[in-house]
C-alpha atoms as a PDB file:
ATOM      1  CA  MET A   1     -10.515 -17.864  22.759  1.00  0.00           C
ATOM      2  CA  GLN A   2     -13.192 -15.237  22.121  1.00  0.00           C
ATOM      3  CA  LEU A   3     -12.649 -12.741  19.313  1.00  0.00           C
ATOM      4  CA  LEU A   4     -14.892  -9.734  18.743  1.00  0.00           C
ATOM      5  CA  VAL A   5     -13.802  -7.791  15.673  1.00  0.00           C
ATOM      6  CA  SER A   6     -15.460  -5.860  12.873  1.00  0.00           C
ATOM      7  CA  SER A   7     -14.123  -6.800   9.422  1.00  0.00           C
ATOM      8  CA  ARG A   8     -14.360  -3.098   8.455  1.00  0.00           C
ATOM      9  CA  CYS A   9     -12.399  -1.908  11.482  1.00  0.00           C
ATOM     10  CA  SER A  10      -9.467   0.202  10.261  1.00  0.00           C
ATOM     11  CA  ARG A  11      -7.346  -0.103  13.381  1.00  0.00           C
ATOM     12  CA  ARG A  12      -3.974  -1.344  14.532  1.00  0.00           C
ATOM     13  CA  ILE A  13      -4.020  -4.187  17.037  1.00  0.00           C
ATOM     14  CA  LEU A  14      -1.620  -3.853  19.957  1.00  0.00           C
ATOM     15  CA  THR A  15      -0.857  -6.692  22.325  1.00  0.00           C
ATOM     16  CA  ILE A  16      -0.220  -6.321  26.043  1.00  0.00           C
ATOM     17  CA  SER A  17       1.325  -9.792  26.263  1.00  0.00           C
ATOM     18  CA  SER A  18       3.509  -9.209  23.158  1.00  0.00           C
ATOM     19  CA  ILE A  19       1.587 -11.937  21.328  1.00  0.00           C
ATOM     20  CA  ALA A  20      -0.355 -10.570  18.358  1.00  0.00           C
ATOM     21  CA  LEU A  21      -3.547 -12.280  17.250  1.00  0.00           C
ATOM     22  CA  PHE A  22      -4.633 -11.727  13.666  1.00  0.00           C
ATOM     23  CA  SER A  23      -7.400 -12.895  11.369  1.00  0.00           C
ATOM     24  CA  GLN A  24      -6.158 -13.499   7.845  1.00  0.00           C
ATOM     25  CA  LEU A  25      -8.368 -11.896   5.205  1.00  0.00           C
ATOM     26  CA  SER A  26      -9.060 -12.614   1.561  1.00  0.00           C
ATOM     27  CA  LEU A  27      -9.916  -9.759  -0.799  1.00  0.00           C
ATOM     28  CA  ALA A  28     -13.570 -10.755  -0.551  1.00  0.00           C
ATOM     29  CA  ALA A  29     -13.538  -9.614   3.090  1.00  0.00           C
ATOM     30  CA  ILE A  30     -12.048  -6.153   2.594  1.00  0.00           C
ATOM     31  CA  PHE A  31     -13.562  -2.773   1.842  1.00  0.00           C
ATOM     32  CA  PRO A  32     -12.563   0.374  -0.076  1.00  0.00           C
ATOM     33  CA  GLY A  33      -9.691   2.032   1.751  1.00  0.00           C
ATOM     34  CA  ASP A  34      -8.372  -1.154   3.346  1.00  0.00           C
ATOM     35  CA  LEU A  35      -5.585  -0.993   0.755  1.00  0.00           C
ATOM     36  CA  LEU A  36      -4.225   2.440  -0.173  1.00  0.00           C
ATOM     37  CA  ILE A  37      -1.873   3.489  -2.964  1.00  0.00           C
ATOM     38  CA  THR A  38       0.808   5.461  -1.115  1.00  0.00           C
ATOM     39  CA  GLU A  39       3.460   6.115  -3.766  1.00  0.00           C
ATOM     40  CA  MET A  40       4.104   5.717  -7.498  1.00  0.00           C
ATOM     41  CA  MET A  41       7.010   5.997  -9.931  1.00  0.00           C
ATOM     42  CA  ALA A  42       5.570   6.324 -13.431  1.00  0.00           C
ATOM     43  CA  ASN A  43       8.513   8.000 -15.162  1.00  0.00           C
ATOM     44  CA  PRO A  44      11.909   6.844 -13.857  1.00  0.00           C
ATOM     45  CA  ASP A  45      15.027   8.636 -15.047  1.00  0.00           C
ATOM     46  CA  ALA A  46      17.868   6.349 -13.959  1.00  0.00           C
ATOM     47  CA  VAL A  47      16.516   3.397 -15.965  1.00  0.00           C
ATOM     48  CA  SER A  48      13.896   2.774 -18.643  1.00  0.00           C
ATOM     49  CA  ASP A  49      10.190   2.672 -17.841  1.00  0.00           C
ATOM     50  CA  SER A  50      10.060  -1.037 -18.663  1.00  0.00           C
ATOM     51  CA  HIS A  51      12.434  -1.701 -15.760  1.00  0.00           C
ATOM     52  CA  GLY A  52      11.868   1.151 -13.338  1.00  0.00           C
ATOM     53  CA  GLU A  53       8.099   1.641 -12.970  1.00  0.00           C
ATOM     54  CA  TRP A  54       6.615   0.717  -9.603  1.00  0.00           C
ATOM     55  CA  PHE A  55       3.929   1.660  -7.136  1.00  0.00           C
ATOM     56  CA  GLU A  56       3.455   1.087  -3.434  1.00  0.00           C
ATOM     57  CA  ILE A  57       0.426   0.152  -1.347  1.00  0.00           C
ATOM     58  CA  ILE A  58      -0.246  -0.148   2.370  1.00  0.00           C
ATOM     59  CA  ASN A  59      -2.572  -2.418   4.340  1.00  0.00           C
ATOM     60  CA  THR A  60      -4.587  -0.161   6.671  1.00  0.00           C
ATOM     61  CA  THR A  61      -6.364  -3.015   8.473  1.00  0.00           C
ATOM     62  CA  PRO A  62      -5.179  -4.926  11.555  1.00  0.00           C
ATOM     63  CA  ASN A  63      -5.145  -8.164   9.575  1.00  0.00           C
ATOM     64  CA  PRO A  64      -2.915  -9.752   6.896  1.00  0.00           C
ATOM     65  CA  ILE A  65      -4.591  -9.658   3.463  1.00  0.00           C
ATOM     66  CA  ASP A  66      -4.047 -12.156   0.641  1.00  0.00           C
ATOM     67  CA  LEU A  67      -3.670 -10.136  -2.578  1.00  0.00           C
ATOM     68  CA  ASN A  68      -4.606 -13.019  -4.866  1.00  0.00           C
ATOM     69  CA  GLY A  69      -7.406 -11.919  -7.178  1.00  0.00           C
ATOM     70  CA  LEU A  70      -6.540  -8.215  -7.043  1.00  0.00           C
ATOM     71  CA  LEU A  71      -6.961  -6.566 -10.447  1.00  0.00           C
ATOM     72  CA  LEU A  72      -4.528  -3.802 -11.410  1.00  0.00           C
ATOM     73  CA  LYS A  73      -5.915  -1.462 -14.080  1.00  0.00           C
ATOM     74  CA  ASP A  74      -5.037   1.805 -15.768  1.00  0.00           C
ATOM     75  CA  LYS A  75      -7.532   4.238 -17.275  1.00  0.00           C
ATOM     76  CA  GLY A  76      -7.229   2.501 -20.638  1.00  0.00           C
ATOM     77  CA  SER A  77      -7.213  -1.196 -21.490  1.00  0.00           C
ATOM     78  CA  LYS A  78      -4.111  -2.373 -19.627  1.00  0.00           C
ATOM     79  CA  GLN A  79      -4.704  -4.670 -16.684  1.00  0.00           C
ATOM     80  CA  HIS A  80      -3.119  -7.435 -14.648  1.00  0.00           C
ATOM     81  CA  THR A  81      -4.659  -9.851 -12.146  1.00  0.00           C
ATOM     82  CA  ILE A  82      -2.578 -11.190  -9.272  1.00  0.00           C
ATOM     83  CA  ASN A  83      -2.969 -14.951  -9.494  1.00  0.00           C
ATOM     84  CA  ARG A  84      -0.516 -17.097  -7.574  1.00  0.00           C
ATOM     85  CA  THR A  85      -0.748 -20.672  -6.375  1.00  0.00           C
ATOM     86  CA  MET A  86       0.317 -19.572  -2.894  1.00  0.00           C
ATOM     87  CA  PRO A  87      -1.094 -16.686  -0.800  1.00  0.00           C
ATOM     88  CA  LEU A  88       0.520 -13.288  -1.343  1.00  0.00           C
ATOM     89  CA  TRP A  89       0.234 -11.646   2.053  1.00  0.00           C
ATOM     90  CA  ILE A  90       0.470  -7.961   2.830  1.00  0.00           C
ATOM     91  CA  ASN A  91       0.759  -7.528   6.580  1.00  0.00           C
ATOM     92  CA  PRO A  92      -0.892  -4.827   8.709  1.00  0.00           C
ATOM     93  CA  SER A  93       0.730  -1.403   8.163  1.00  0.00           C
ATOM     94  CA  GLU A  94       3.145  -2.944   5.643  1.00  0.00           C
ATOM     95  CA  TYR A  95       4.407  -1.018   2.622  1.00  0.00           C
ATOM     96  CA  PHE A  96       4.224  -3.408  -0.338  1.00  0.00           C
ATOM     97  CA  VAL A  97       5.914  -2.604  -3.658  1.00  0.00           C
ATOM     98  CA  LEU A  98       4.590  -3.818  -7.006  1.00  0.00           C
ATOM     99  CA  GLY A  99       6.897  -3.284  -9.963  1.00  0.00           C
ATOM    100  CA  ARG A 100       7.632  -4.182 -13.568  1.00  0.00           C
ATOM    101  CA  ASN A 101      11.041  -5.715 -12.866  1.00  0.00           C
ATOM    102  CA  ALA A 102      12.208  -7.576  -9.771  1.00  0.00           C
ATOM    103  CA  ASP A 103      15.938  -7.336 -10.518  1.00  0.00           C
ATOM    104  CA  SER A 104      17.267  -4.478  -8.395  1.00  0.00           C
ATOM    105  CA  SER A 105      20.481  -4.396 -10.435  1.00  0.00           C
ATOM    106  CA  VAL A 106      18.572  -3.155 -13.497  1.00  0.00           C
ATOM    107  CA  ASN A 107      15.333  -1.636 -12.135  1.00  0.00           C
ATOM    108  CA  GLY A 108      16.929   1.415 -10.538  1.00  0.00           C
ATOM    109  CA  GLY A 109      17.583  -0.165  -7.174  1.00  0.00           C
ATOM    110  CA  TYR A 110      14.176  -0.832  -5.608  1.00  0.00           C
ATOM    111  CA  SER A 111      13.019  -4.132  -4.094  1.00  0.00           C
ATOM    112  CA  SER A 112       9.820  -5.487  -5.622  1.00  0.00           C
ATOM    113  CA  ASP A 113       7.466  -7.591  -3.497  1.00  0.00           C
ATOM    114  CA  TYR A 114       5.470  -8.559  -6.578  1.00  0.00           C
ATOM    115  CA  THR A 115       6.280  -8.236 -10.281  1.00  0.00           C
ATOM    116  CA  TYR A 116       3.431  -7.599 -12.718  1.00  0.00           C
ATOM    117  CA  SER A 117       3.087  -7.748 -16.488  1.00  0.00           C
ATOM    118  CA  ASP A 118       0.587  -6.400 -19.048  1.00  0.00           C
ATOM    119  CA  PHE A 119       0.261  -3.203 -17.044  1.00  0.00           C
ATOM    120  CA  THR A 120       2.184   0.015 -17.689  1.00  0.00           C
ATOM    121  CA  LEU A 121       1.922   3.628 -16.542  1.00  0.00           C
ATOM    122  CA  GLY A 122       1.764   6.699 -18.738  1.00  0.00           C
ATOM    123  CA  ASN A 123       4.515   9.213 -18.002  1.00  0.00           C
ATOM    124  CA  SER A 124       2.327  12.304 -17.746  1.00  0.00           C
ATOM    125  CA  SER A 125      -1.225  11.077 -17.200  1.00  0.00           C
ATOM    126  CA  ASP A 126      -2.874   7.761 -16.416  1.00  0.00           C
ATOM    127  CA  ALA A 127      -4.390   5.907 -13.467  1.00  0.00           C
ATOM    128  CA  ILE A 128      -3.804   3.036 -11.100  1.00  0.00           C
ATOM    129  CA  ILE A 129      -7.002   1.270 -10.092  1.00  0.00           C
ATOM    130  CA  LEU A 130      -7.111  -1.547  -7.530  1.00  0.00           C
ATOM    131  CA  GLU A 131     -10.229  -3.608  -8.047  1.00  0.00           C
ATOM    132  CA  PHE A 132     -11.780  -6.868  -6.876  1.00  0.00           C
ATOM    133  CA  ASN A 133     -14.990  -8.367  -8.265  1.00  0.00           C
ATOM    134  CA  GLY A 134     -15.919  -5.020  -9.801  1.00  0.00           C
ATOM    135  CA  ALA A 135     -15.430  -3.082  -6.558  1.00  0.00           C
ATOM    136  CA  VAL A 136     -12.742  -0.384  -6.499  1.00  0.00           C
ATOM    137  CA  ILE A 137     -10.533  -0.725  -3.407  1.00  0.00           C
ATOM    138  CA  ASP A 138      -8.461   2.376  -4.203  1.00  0.00           C
ATOM    139  CA  SER A 139      -7.435   4.439  -7.219  1.00  0.00           C
ATOM    140  CA  LEU A 140      -4.936   7.109  -8.183  1.00  0.00           C
ATOM    141  CA  VAL A 141      -5.693   9.258 -11.234  1.00  0.00           C
ATOM    142  CA  TYR A 142      -2.849  11.574 -12.176  1.00  0.00           C
ATOM    143  CA  SER A 143      -2.001  14.185 -14.791  1.00  0.00           C
ATOM    144  CA  SER A 144       0.999  16.212 -15.911  1.00  0.00           C
ATOM    145  CA  SER A 145       0.151  18.898 -13.350  1.00  0.00           C
ATOM    146  CA  ILE A 146       1.413  16.608 -10.562  1.00  0.00           C
ATOM    147  CA  PHE A 147       4.755  15.638 -12.035  1.00  0.00           C
ATOM    148  CA  GLY A 148       7.958  17.624 -12.272  1.00  0.00           C
ATOM    149  CA  THR A 149      10.916  16.151 -14.083  1.00  0.00           C
ATOM    150  CA  ALA A 150      11.486  12.471 -14.759  1.00  0.00           C
ATOM    151  CA  GLY A 151      12.819  10.418 -11.889  1.00  0.00           C
ATOM    152  CA  ASN A 152      10.550  11.807  -9.152  1.00  0.00           C
ATOM    153  CA  SER A 153       7.846   9.689  -7.548  1.00  0.00           C
ATOM    154  CA  ILE A 154       4.596  11.059  -6.179  1.00  0.00           C
ATOM    155  CA  GLU A 155       3.324  10.042  -2.754  1.00  0.00           C
ATOM    156  CA  LEU A 156       0.247  10.340  -0.590  1.00  0.00           C
ATOM    157  CA  ILE A 157       0.591  13.346   1.719  1.00  0.00           C
ATOM    158  CA  SER A 158      -2.237  14.951   3.712  1.00  0.00           C
ATOM    159  CA  GLY A 159      -4.959  13.224   1.727  1.00  0.00           C
ATOM    160  CA  GLY A 160      -3.569  14.148  -1.708  1.00  0.00           C
ATOM    161  CA  TYR A 161      -0.638  13.290  -3.944  1.00  0.00           C
ATOM    162  CA  ALA A 162       2.474  15.419  -4.314  1.00  0.00           C
ATOM    163  CA  LEU A 163       6.066  15.065  -5.459  1.00  0.00           C
ATOM    164  CA  THR A 164       8.316  13.170  -3.072  1.00  0.00           C
ATOM    165  CA  ALA A 165      10.909  15.431  -1.429  1.00  0.00           C
ATOM    166  CA  ALA A 166      14.108  15.699  -3.483  1.00  0.00           C
ATOM    167  CA  ASN A 167      16.335  14.551  -0.617  1.00  0.00           C
ATOM    168  CA  LEU A 168      14.621  11.134  -0.495  1.00  0.00           C
ATOM    169  CA  THR A 169      16.476   9.093  -3.104  1.00  0.00           C
ATOM    170  CA  TYR A 170      16.962   5.373  -3.610  1.00  0.00           C
ATOM    171  CA  GLY A 171      19.149   2.994  -5.582  1.00  0.00           C
ATOM    172  CA  ALA A 172      20.511   4.584  -8.761  1.00  0.00           C
ATOM    173  CA  GLY A 173      19.456   8.079  -7.709  1.00  0.00           C
ATOM    174  CA  ASP A 174      15.792   8.510  -8.589  1.00  0.00           C
ATOM    175  CA  ILE A 175      13.639  10.254  -5.984  1.00  0.00           C
ATOM    176  CA  GLY A 176      11.294   8.056  -3.989  1.00  0.00           C
ATOM    177  CA  THR A 177      10.905   5.794  -0.977  1.00  0.00           C
ATOM    178  CA  PRO A 178       9.708   2.424  -2.328  1.00  0.00           C
ATOM    179  CA  GLY A 179       8.873   0.129   0.568  1.00  0.00           C
ATOM    180  CA  SER A 180       9.136   2.752   3.315  1.00  0.00           C
ATOM    181  CA  ALA A 181       7.107   5.611   4.729  1.00  0.00           C
ATOM    182  CA  GLY A 182       8.715   8.661   3.141  1.00  0.00           C
ATOM    183  CA  SER A 183       6.462  11.583   4.056  1.00  0.00           C
ATOM    184  CA  TYR A 184       3.514   9.276   4.751  1.00  0.00           C
ATOM    185  CA  SER A 185       2.898   8.344   8.405  1.00  0.00           C
ATOM    186  CA  PRO A 186      -0.003   5.897   8.440  1.00  0.00           C
ATOM    187  CA  VAL A 187      -0.616   5.404  12.152  1.00  0.00           C
ATOM    188  CA  THR A 188      -1.068   7.650  15.120  1.00  0.00           C
ATOM    189  CA  GLU A 189      -2.140   5.772  18.215  1.00  0.00           C
ATOM    190  CA  VAL A 190      -4.668   7.703  20.296  1.00  0.00           C
ATOM    191  CA  PRO A 191      -7.198   6.574  22.904  1.00  0.00           C
ATOM    192  CA  ILE A 192     -10.783   6.259  21.702  1.00  0.00           C
ATOM    193  CA  PRO A 193     -14.093   6.264  23.613  1.00  0.00           C
ATOM    194  CA  ALA A 194     -15.158   3.143  25.463  1.00  0.00           C
ATOM    195  CA  ALA A 195     -17.687   2.282  22.763  1.00  0.00           C
ATOM    196  CA  GLY A 196     -14.893   2.067  20.258  1.00  0.00           C
ATOM    197  CA  TRP A 197     -12.574  -0.264  22.149  1.00  0.00           C
ATOM    198  CA  LEU A 198     -12.040  -3.678  20.653  1.00  0.00           C
ATOM    199  CA  PHE A 199     -11.185  -6.423  23.087  1.00  0.00           C
ATOM    200  CA  VAL A 200      -9.739  -9.778  22.219  1.00  0.00           C
ATOM    201  CA  THR A 201      -9.601 -12.137  25.183  1.00  0.00           C
ATOM    202  CA  ALA A 202      -7.290 -15.129  25.111  1.00  0.00           C
ATOM    203  CA  LEU A 203      -5.269 -17.312  27.434  1.00  0.00           C
ATOM    204  CA  SER A 204      -2.183 -15.285  26.597  1.00  0.00           C
ATOM    205  CA  GLY A 205      -3.648 -11.949  27.590  1.00  0.00           C
ATOM    206  CA  VAL A 206      -5.766  -9.129  26.300  1.00  0.00           C
ATOM    207  CA  VAL A 207      -5.303  -7.484  22.946  1.00  0.00           C
ATOM    208  CA  ILE A 208      -6.460  -3.911  22.684  1.00  0.00           C
ATOM    209  CA  ALA A 209      -7.111  -2.147  19.421  1.00  0.00           C
ATOM    210  CA  ARG A 210      -6.590   1.540  19.206  1.00  0.00           C
ATOM    211  CA  LYS A 211      -8.001   3.801  16.625  1.00  0.00           C
ATOM    212  CA  ARG A 212      -5.882   4.295  13.504  1.00  0.00           C
ATOM    213  CA  SER A 213      -5.665   7.897  12.427  1.00  0.00           C
ATOM    214  CA  GLN A 214      -4.557   8.472   8.827  1.00  0.00           C
ATOM    215  CA  THR A 215      -2.219  11.403   9.366  1.00  0.00           C
ATOM    216  CA  LYS A 216       0.754  12.733   7.504  1.00  0.00           C
ATOM    217  CA  SER A 217       3.853  14.506   8.702  1.00  0.00           C
ATOM    218  CA  ALA A 218       5.868  16.880   6.593  1.00  0.00           C
END
């Protein structure tokens, strides 16, 4: 098999033969923007902050990424490093939820893909910083001007963060879409010029990558 792929390529891989071929990546092989913070609940209303805080990320690359070694930081001194004995994969275009409590019966009703400690979010202003080996992969700095009342998440819409629409509720009734797109639509498949095509040739067929366009829909 011959594989020609740029490690920086922010594209979705499509397969003609219905067999997807992926390269698994460690954090050392990714770049800023390969992981994006798409949604955050800093001030839940249905349950306490210690149970109900969470944030969501997406993998914008065409490859699974092992999150081991990822440092979660706020704008103060709180931080947590993901350190598991087994790989913690986030798949291409997957919404991955990190939260303070994995028990959906007490955390407000969301499903956590990874539970962290030693890291909390201020209700009105703070930051989430994703970092590896001193390099910032993505960050979200927020203030009271973004938030409305308690129990409303903020999400990435049209390149900025705004309150999640009030009709999008989960679990015990707080507003948010943990683990799903909400108002964020990460992929629009469009043809790209010949110079931009990525071909993967294999016995099973040809895999064609199409350009990922980071667009949002209201």
